[in-house]
Amino acid sequence: MSRLALFDLDGTLADRQSALSNAVTGMCRAHALPPAAEQWLRTELVDRANVADFARLREIFGLEVPAADLWQEYVDLMSAAVTCRPEVLEGLACLRAAAWTIGIITNGAGDIQRAKLAGTGLADLVDGVAASGDLEIRKPDRRLFELAATRCGVSLADGGWMIGDDPTGDIGGGHQAGLRTIWLRGRPWPEGLPAAHHVVDDVTDAITILLNETLE
């Protein structure tokens, strides 16, 4: 089995939800936006965000600031607010020390996802990154998994692991890409989706499983 481990970013390695809350609060204060605009942002950005969201915000609430500037402000706020727990960073460092290849495969715009990786320190621990905005395709599309493997300098044909919290995108996509899978439980499991190879409550548990594979 190849020592390739592909990780989801938001909700798996990094806490997007608390960062989102902080970023939206900061942006609304900076521009003195009304409560309705803050609620709109929290609803629209709950799963993902891109510059088009801020073009709509500007139009709906009559802002004079260009959409591109609002987007860059949001990217900066998110990269400053997003966190990755020290024990997760330590676990990834242990995987690297055990000769694992580590990749990130994430749905989201490339600029904001890479800003998050830099802000959390994850960028220094991964071999390659594939964001859906790079190709305008999203997990579970196999092509995004292939891109992640290529950017890590390996091939999907050699197998590996996919670790994430989204049953369809991460686990379903991982299965379709020929990878073994570890699911971080939490979201509802869709009927008919093949079971993950392992189910854990925390990504550190997933890292432990991979490290144990190294010893076998």
C-alpha atoms as a PDB file:
ATOM      1  CA  MET A   1       0.000   0.000   0.000  1.00  0.00           C
ATOM      2  CA  SER A   2       1.323   3.403  -1.013  1.00  0.00           C
ATOM      3  CA  ARG A   3       2.156   5.794   1.788  1.00  0.00           C
ATOM      4  CA  LEU A   4       0.011   8.541   0.287  1.00  0.00           C
ATOM      5  CA  ALA A   5      -2.391  10.320   2.636  1.00  0.00           C
ATOM      6  CA  LEU A   6      -4.767  12.878   1.138  1.00  0.00           C
ATOM      7  CA  PHE A   7      -6.530  15.068   3.684  1.00  0.00           C
ATOM      8  CA  ASP A   8      -9.541  17.317   3.380  1.00  0.00           C
ATOM      9  CA  LEU A   9      -8.893  20.802   4.784  1.00  0.00           C
ATOM     10  CA  ASP A  10     -12.044  22.475   6.145  1.00  0.00           C
ATOM     11  CA  GLY A  11     -13.608  20.558   8.996  1.00  0.00           C
ATOM     12  CA  THR A  12     -10.845  17.953   8.955  1.00  0.00           C
ATOM     13  CA  LEU A  13      -7.462  19.605   9.472  1.00  0.00           C
ATOM     14  CA  ALA A  14      -8.659  23.172  10.059  1.00  0.00           C
ATOM     15  CA  ASP A  15     -11.587  24.723  11.919  1.00  0.00           C
ATOM     16  CA  ARG A  16     -13.333  26.740   9.217  1.00  0.00           C
ATOM     17  CA  GLN A  17     -16.541  27.485  11.105  1.00  0.00           C
ATOM     18  CA  SER A  18     -15.023  29.474  13.961  1.00  0.00           C
ATOM     19  CA  ALA A  19     -12.741  31.279  11.509  1.00  0.00           C
ATOM     20  CA  LEU A  20     -15.748  32.131   9.328  1.00  0.00           C
ATOM     21  CA  SER A  21     -17.600  33.583  12.292  1.00  0.00           C
ATOM     22  CA  ASN A  22     -14.626  35.739  13.262  1.00  0.00           C
ATOM     23  CA  ALA A  23     -13.993  36.886   9.691  1.00  0.00           C
ATOM     24  CA  VAL A  24     -17.603  37.858   9.057  1.00  0.00           C
ATOM     25  CA  THR A  25     -17.798  39.736  12.349  1.00  0.00           C
ATOM     26  CA  GLY A  26     -14.586  41.607  11.557  1.00  0.00           C
ATOM     27  CA  MET A  27     -15.671  42.507   8.044  1.00  0.00           C
ATOM     28  CA  CYS A  28     -19.099  43.724   9.150  1.00  0.00           C
ATOM     29  CA  ARG A  29     -17.580  45.933  11.838  1.00  0.00           C
ATOM     30  CA  ALA A  30     -14.994  47.359   9.459  1.00  0.00           C
ATOM     31  CA  HIS A  31     -17.689  48.396   6.964  1.00  0.00           C
ATOM     32  CA  ALA A  32     -20.451  49.166   9.489  1.00  0.00           C
ATOM     33  CA  LEU A  33     -22.709  46.664   7.749  1.00  0.00           C
ATOM     34  CA  PRO A  34     -26.252  46.194   9.058  1.00  0.00           C
ATOM     35  CA  PRO A  35     -27.329  42.997  10.857  1.00  0.00           C
ATOM     36  CA  ALA A  36     -29.131  41.869   7.700  1.00  0.00           C
ATOM     37  CA  ALA A  37     -25.852  41.904   5.763  1.00  0.00           C
ATOM     38  CA  GLU A  38     -24.073  39.952   8.486  1.00  0.00           C
ATOM     39  CA  GLN A  39     -26.802  37.301   8.483  1.00  0.00           C
ATOM     40  CA  TRP A  40     -26.694  37.162   4.681  1.00  0.00           C
ATOM     41  CA  LEU A  41     -22.944  36.544   4.757  1.00  0.00           C
ATOM     42  CA  ARG A  42     -23.203  33.839   7.409  1.00  0.00           C
ATOM     43  CA  THR A  43     -25.832  32.044   5.331  1.00  0.00           C
ATOM     44  CA  GLU A  44     -24.170  32.425   1.931  1.00  0.00           C
ATOM     45  CA  LEU A  45     -20.669  31.510   3.073  1.00  0.00           C
ATOM     46  CA  VAL A  46     -21.568  28.597   5.350  1.00  0.00           C
ATOM     47  CA  ASP A  47     -20.146  25.946   2.993  1.00  0.00           C
ATOM     48  CA  ARG A  48     -17.863  27.849   0.622  1.00  0.00           C
ATOM     49  CA  ALA A  49     -16.976  31.342  -0.579  1.00  0.00           C
ATOM     50  CA  ASN A  50     -15.645  33.047  -3.687  1.00  0.00           C
ATOM     51  CA  VAL A  51     -15.423  36.507  -5.170  1.00  0.00           C
ATOM     52  CA  ALA A  52     -18.904  36.225  -6.721  1.00  0.00           C
ATOM     53  CA  ASP A  53     -20.423  36.140  -3.234  1.00  0.00           C
ATOM     54  CA  PHE A  54     -18.925  39.547  -2.515  1.00  0.00           C
ATOM     55  CA  ALA A  55     -20.117  40.941  -5.832  1.00  0.00           C
ATOM     56  CA  ARG A  56     -23.633  39.978  -4.740  1.00  0.00           C
ATOM     57  CA  LEU A  57     -23.081  41.426  -1.265  1.00  0.00           C
ATOM     58  CA  ARG A  58     -21.978  44.700  -2.841  1.00  0.00           C
ATOM     59  CA  GLU A  59     -25.010  44.799  -5.117  1.00  0.00           C
ATOM     60  CA  ILE A  60     -27.624  43.817  -2.531  1.00  0.00           C
ATOM     61  CA  PHE A  61     -26.426  46.141   0.218  1.00  0.00           C
ATOM     62  CA  GLY A  62     -25.148  49.006  -1.927  1.00  0.00           C
ATOM     63  CA  LEU A  63     -21.478  48.918  -0.948  1.00  0.00           C
ATOM     64  CA  GLU A  64     -19.011  51.146  -2.788  1.00  0.00           C
ATOM     65  CA  VAL A  65     -15.958  48.970  -2.142  1.00  0.00           C
ATOM     66  CA  PRO A  66     -15.038  46.844  -5.224  1.00  0.00           C
ATOM     67  CA  ALA A  67     -15.921  43.159  -4.952  1.00  0.00           C
ATOM     68  CA  ALA A  68     -12.295  42.135  -5.513  1.00  0.00           C
ATOM     69  CA  ASP A  69     -11.216  44.252  -2.540  1.00  0.00           C
ATOM     70  CA  LEU A  70     -13.933  42.773  -0.336  1.00  0.00           C
ATOM     71  CA  TRP A  71     -12.867  39.280  -1.363  1.00  0.00           C
ATOM     72  CA  GLN A  72      -9.199  39.962  -0.596  1.00  0.00           C
ATOM     73  CA  GLU A  73     -10.191  41.397   2.767  1.00  0.00           C
ATOM     74  CA  TYR A  74     -12.163  38.225   3.510  1.00  0.00           C
ATOM     75  CA  VAL A  75      -9.235  36.016   2.418  1.00  0.00           C
ATOM     76  CA  ASP A  76      -6.906  37.938   4.731  1.00  0.00           C
ATOM     77  CA  LEU A  77      -9.347  37.730   7.650  1.00  0.00           C
ATOM     78  CA  MET A  78      -9.870  34.000   7.145  1.00  0.00           C
ATOM     79  CA  SER A  79      -6.173  33.203   6.893  1.00  0.00           C
ATOM     80  CA  ALA A  80      -5.572  35.153  10.109  1.00  0.00           C
ATOM     81  CA  ALA A  81      -8.468  33.491  11.959  1.00  0.00           C
ATOM     82  CA  VAL A  82      -8.274  29.851  10.826  1.00  0.00           C
ATOM     83  CA  THR A  83      -6.571  27.431  13.187  1.00  0.00           C
ATOM     84  CA  CYS A  84      -5.075  23.952  13.154  1.00  0.00           C
ATOM     85  CA  ARG A  85      -4.517  22.359  16.557  1.00  0.00           C
ATOM     86  CA  PRO A  86      -0.877  21.764  17.574  1.00  0.00           C
ATOM     87  CA  GLU A  87      -1.483  18.034  18.016  1.00  0.00           C
ATOM     88  CA  VAL A  88      -2.679  17.817  14.391  1.00  0.00           C
ATOM     89  CA  LEU A  89       0.446  19.591  13.130  1.00  0.00           C
ATOM     90  CA  GLU A  90       2.564  17.275  15.281  1.00  0.00           C
ATOM     91  CA  GLY A  91       0.775  14.229  13.896  1.00  0.00           C
ATOM     92  CA  LEU A  92       1.403  15.296  10.311  1.00  0.00           C
ATOM     93  CA  ALA A  93       5.059  15.878  11.143  1.00  0.00           C
ATOM     94  CA  CYS A  94       5.201  12.313  12.480  1.00  0.00           C
ATOM     95  CA  LEU A  95       3.681  11.021   9.225  1.00  0.00           C
ATOM     96  CA  ARG A  96       6.330  12.849   7.209  1.00  0.00           C
ATOM     97  CA  ALA A  97       9.034  11.423   9.447  1.00  0.00           C
ATOM     98  CA  ALA A  98       7.610   7.970   8.726  1.00  0.00           C
ATOM     99  CA  ALA A  99       8.042   8.590   4.971  1.00  0.00           C
ATOM    100  CA  TRP A 100       4.392   9.343   4.207  1.00  0.00           C
ATOM    101  CA  THR A 101       3.483  11.634   1.310  1.00  0.00           C
ATOM    102  CA  ILE A 102       0.856  14.134   2.452  1.00  0.00           C
ATOM    103  CA  GLY A 103      -1.545  15.975   0.182  1.00  0.00           C
ATOM    104  CA  ILE A 104      -4.473  18.342   0.639  1.00  0.00           C
ATOM    105  CA  ILE A 105      -7.563  17.973  -1.535  1.00  0.00           C
ATOM    106  CA  THR A 106     -10.146  20.647  -0.866  1.00  0.00           C
ATOM    107  CA  ASN A 107     -13.228  22.219  -2.370  1.00  0.00           C
ATOM    108  CA  GLY A 108     -12.755  25.971  -2.496  1.00  0.00           C
ATOM    109  CA  ALA A 109     -11.066  28.828  -4.322  1.00  0.00           C
ATOM    110  CA  GLY A 110      -7.335  28.271  -4.649  1.00  0.00           C
ATOM    111  CA  ASP A 111      -6.256  31.627  -3.209  1.00  0.00           C
ATOM    112  CA  ILE A 112      -8.212  31.359   0.026  1.00  0.00           C
ATOM    113  CA  GLN A 113      -7.410  27.687   0.597  1.00  0.00           C
ATOM    114  CA  ARG A 114      -3.683  28.291   0.162  1.00  0.00           C
ATOM    115  CA  ALA A 115      -3.897  31.343   2.434  1.00  0.00           C
ATOM    116  CA  LYS A 116      -5.425  29.093   5.099  1.00  0.00           C
ATOM    117  CA  LEU A 117      -2.637  26.552   4.660  1.00  0.00           C
ATOM    118  CA  ALA A 118      -0.046  29.268   5.100  1.00  0.00           C
ATOM    119  CA  GLY A 119      -1.841  30.805   8.075  1.00  0.00           C
ATOM    120  CA  THR A 120      -2.109  27.526   9.965  1.00  0.00           C
ATOM    121  CA  GLY A 121       1.398  26.255   9.263  1.00  0.00           C
ATOM    122  CA  LEU A 122       0.020  23.332   7.268  1.00  0.00           C
ATOM    123  CA  ALA A 123       1.742  24.524   4.085  1.00  0.00           C
ATOM    124  CA  ASP A 124       5.110  23.452   5.500  1.00  0.00           C
ATOM    125  CA  LEU A 125       3.876  19.897   6.140  1.00  0.00           C
ATOM    126  CA  VAL A 126       2.281  18.913   2.834  1.00  0.00           C
ATOM    127  CA  ASP A 127       3.754  17.774  -0.477  1.00  0.00           C
ATOM    128  CA  GLY A 128       0.967  18.944  -2.755  1.00  0.00           C
ATOM    129  CA  VAL A 129      -2.377  20.780  -2.822  1.00  0.00           C
ATOM    130  CA  ALA A 130      -5.367  20.466  -5.137  1.00  0.00           C
ATOM    131  CA  ALA A 131      -8.202  22.963  -4.672  1.00  0.00           C
ATOM    132  CA  SER A 132     -11.416  22.716  -6.648  1.00  0.00           C
ATOM    133  CA  GLY A 133     -10.926  26.272  -7.875  1.00  0.00           C
ATOM    134  CA  ASP A 134      -7.747  25.158  -9.680  1.00  0.00           C
ATOM    135  CA  LEU A 135      -9.727  23.160 -12.243  1.00  0.00           C
ATOM    136  CA  GLU A 136     -13.311  24.301 -11.566  1.00  0.00           C
ATOM    137  CA  ILE A 137     -14.196  20.749 -10.546  1.00  0.00           C
ATOM    138  CA  ARG A 138     -15.160  19.590  -7.084  1.00  0.00           C
ATOM    139  CA  LYS A 139     -14.857  16.462  -4.988  1.00  0.00           C
ATOM    140  CA  PRO A 140     -15.950  13.712  -5.533  1.00  0.00           C
ATOM    141  CA  ASP A 141     -14.691  14.207  -9.130  1.00  0.00           C
ATOM    142  CA  ARG A 142     -11.823  11.745  -9.620  1.00  0.00           C
ATOM    143  CA  ARG A 143      -9.830  14.332 -11.608  1.00  0.00           C
ATOM    144  CA  LEU A 144      -9.291  16.397  -8.469  1.00  0.00           C
ATOM    145  CA  PHE A 145      -7.888  13.351  -6.684  1.00  0.00           C
ATOM    146  CA  GLU A 146      -5.614  12.677  -9.652  1.00  0.00           C
ATOM    147  CA  LEU A 147      -4.390  16.279  -9.549  1.00  0.00           C
ATOM    148  CA  ALA A 148      -3.656  15.994  -5.820  1.00  0.00           C
ATOM    149  CA  ALA A 149      -1.611  12.830  -6.327  1.00  0.00           C
ATOM    150  CA  THR A 150       0.291  14.332  -9.264  1.00  0.00           C
ATOM    151  CA  ARG A 151       1.134  17.450  -7.263  1.00  0.00           C
ATOM    152  CA  CYS A 152       2.462  15.169  -4.542  1.00  0.00           C
ATOM    153  CA  GLY A 153       4.709  13.482  -7.094  1.00  0.00           C
ATOM    154  CA  VAL A 154       2.915  10.119  -6.967  1.00  0.00           C
ATOM    155  CA  SER A 155       0.200   8.242  -8.855  1.00  0.00           C
ATOM    156  CA  LEU A 156      -3.304   7.287  -7.769  1.00  0.00           C
ATOM    157  CA  ALA A 157      -2.623   3.934  -9.378  1.00  0.00           C
ATOM    158  CA  ASP A 158      -0.379   3.101  -6.425  1.00  0.00           C
ATOM    159  CA  GLY A 159      -3.253   3.586  -3.953  1.00  0.00           C
ATOM    160  CA  GLY A 160      -3.257   5.415  -0.669  1.00  0.00           C
ATOM    161  CA  TRP A 161      -5.708   6.957   1.783  1.00  0.00           C
ATOM    162  CA  MET A 162      -8.321   9.733   1.820  1.00  0.00           C
ATOM    163  CA  ILE A 163      -9.253  11.307   5.149  1.00  0.00           C
ATOM    164  CA  GLY A 164     -12.165  13.723   5.540  1.00  0.00           C
ATOM    165  CA  ASP A 165     -15.489  14.648   7.097  1.00  0.00           C
ATOM    166  CA  ASP A 166     -17.706  14.834   3.992  1.00  0.00           C
ATOM    167  CA  PRO A 167     -19.271  11.426   3.277  1.00  0.00           C
ATOM    168  CA  THR A 168     -19.908  12.061  -0.426  1.00  0.00           C
ATOM    169  CA  GLY A 169     -16.996  14.307  -1.381  1.00  0.00           C
ATOM    170  CA  ASP A 170     -14.265  12.757   0.735  1.00  0.00           C
ATOM    171  CA  ILE A 171     -15.276   9.153   1.336  1.00  0.00           C
ATOM    172  CA  GLY A 172     -17.321   8.561  -1.807  1.00  0.00           C
ATOM    173  CA  GLY A 173     -14.723  10.378  -3.881  1.00  0.00           C
ATOM    174  CA  GLY A 174     -11.916   8.466  -2.209  1.00  0.00           C
ATOM    175  CA  HIS A 175     -13.603   5.149  -3.007  1.00  0.00           C
ATOM    176  CA  GLN A 176     -14.033   6.159  -6.647  1.00  0.00           C
ATOM    177  CA  ALA A 177     -10.365   7.135  -6.786  1.00  0.00           C
ATOM    178  CA  GLY A 178      -9.312   3.696  -5.534  1.00  0.00           C
ATOM    179  CA  LEU A 179      -8.205   4.912  -2.113  1.00  0.00           C
ATOM    180  CA  ARG A 180      -8.823   3.533   1.340  1.00  0.00           C
ATOM    181  CA  THR A 181     -10.818   5.947   3.458  1.00  0.00           C
ATOM    182  CA  ILE A 182     -11.128   7.304   6.986  1.00  0.00           C
ATOM    183  CA  TRP A 183     -14.249   9.281   7.872  1.00  0.00           C
ATOM    184  CA  LEU A 184     -14.480  11.868  10.632  1.00  0.00           C
ATOM    185  CA  ARG A 185     -18.001  11.262  11.815  1.00  0.00           C
ATOM    186  CA  GLY A 186     -20.447  14.126  12.221  1.00  0.00           C
ATOM    187  CA  ARG A 187     -22.397  14.729   9.023  1.00  0.00           C
ATOM    188  CA  PRO A 188     -25.375  12.521   8.076  1.00  0.00           C
ATOM    189  CA  TRP A 189     -24.335   9.431   6.114  1.00  0.00           C
ATOM    190  CA  PRO A 190     -26.158   9.166   2.755  1.00  0.00           C
ATOM    191  CA  GLU A 191     -28.044   5.969   2.059  1.00  0.00           C
ATOM    192  CA  GLY A 192     -26.284   3.688  -0.408  1.00  0.00           C
ATOM    193  CA  LEU A 193     -22.813   5.150   0.058  1.00  0.00           C
ATOM    194  CA  PRO A 194     -20.146   2.478   0.652  1.00  0.00           C
ATOM    195  CA  ALA A 195     -18.814   2.411   4.210  1.00  0.00           C
ATOM    196  CA  ALA A 196     -15.486   4.009   5.046  1.00  0.00           C
ATOM    197  CA  HIS A 197     -12.642   1.663   5.956  1.00  0.00           C
ATOM    198  CA  HIS A 198     -12.347   3.392   9.344  1.00  0.00           C
ATOM    199  CA  VAL A 199     -14.543   5.823  11.275  1.00  0.00           C
ATOM    200  CA  VAL A 200     -13.028   8.181  13.870  1.00  0.00           C
ATOM    201  CA  ASP A 201     -14.061  11.145  16.002  1.00  0.00           C
ATOM    202  CA  ASP A 202     -10.897  13.199  15.495  1.00  0.00           C
ATOM    203  CA  VAL A 203      -8.312  13.565  12.754  1.00  0.00           C
ATOM    204  CA  THR A 204      -5.558  12.689  15.235  1.00  0.00           C
ATOM    205  CA  ASP A 205      -7.159   9.234  15.492  1.00  0.00           C
ATOM    206  CA  ALA A 206      -6.912   8.928  11.712  1.00  0.00           C
ATOM    207  CA  ILE A 207      -3.234   9.864  11.832  1.00  0.00           C
ATOM    208  CA  THR A 208      -2.671   7.167  14.466  1.00  0.00           C
ATOM    209  CA  ILE A 209      -4.272   4.586  12.158  1.00  0.00           C
ATOM    210  CA  LEU A 210      -1.912   5.598   9.347  1.00  0.00           C
ATOM    211  CA  LEU A 211       1.125   5.469  11.615  1.00  0.00           C
ATOM    212  CA  ASN A 212       0.102   1.975  12.738  1.00  0.00           C
ATOM    213  CA  GLU A 213      -0.104   0.963   9.068  1.00  0.00           C
ATOM    214  CA  THR A 214       3.522   2.033   8.756  1.00  0.00           C
ATOM    215  CA  LEU A 215       4.508  -0.437  11.490  1.00  0.00           C
ATOM    216  CA  GLU A 216       2.698  -3.398   9.988  1.00  0.00           C
END
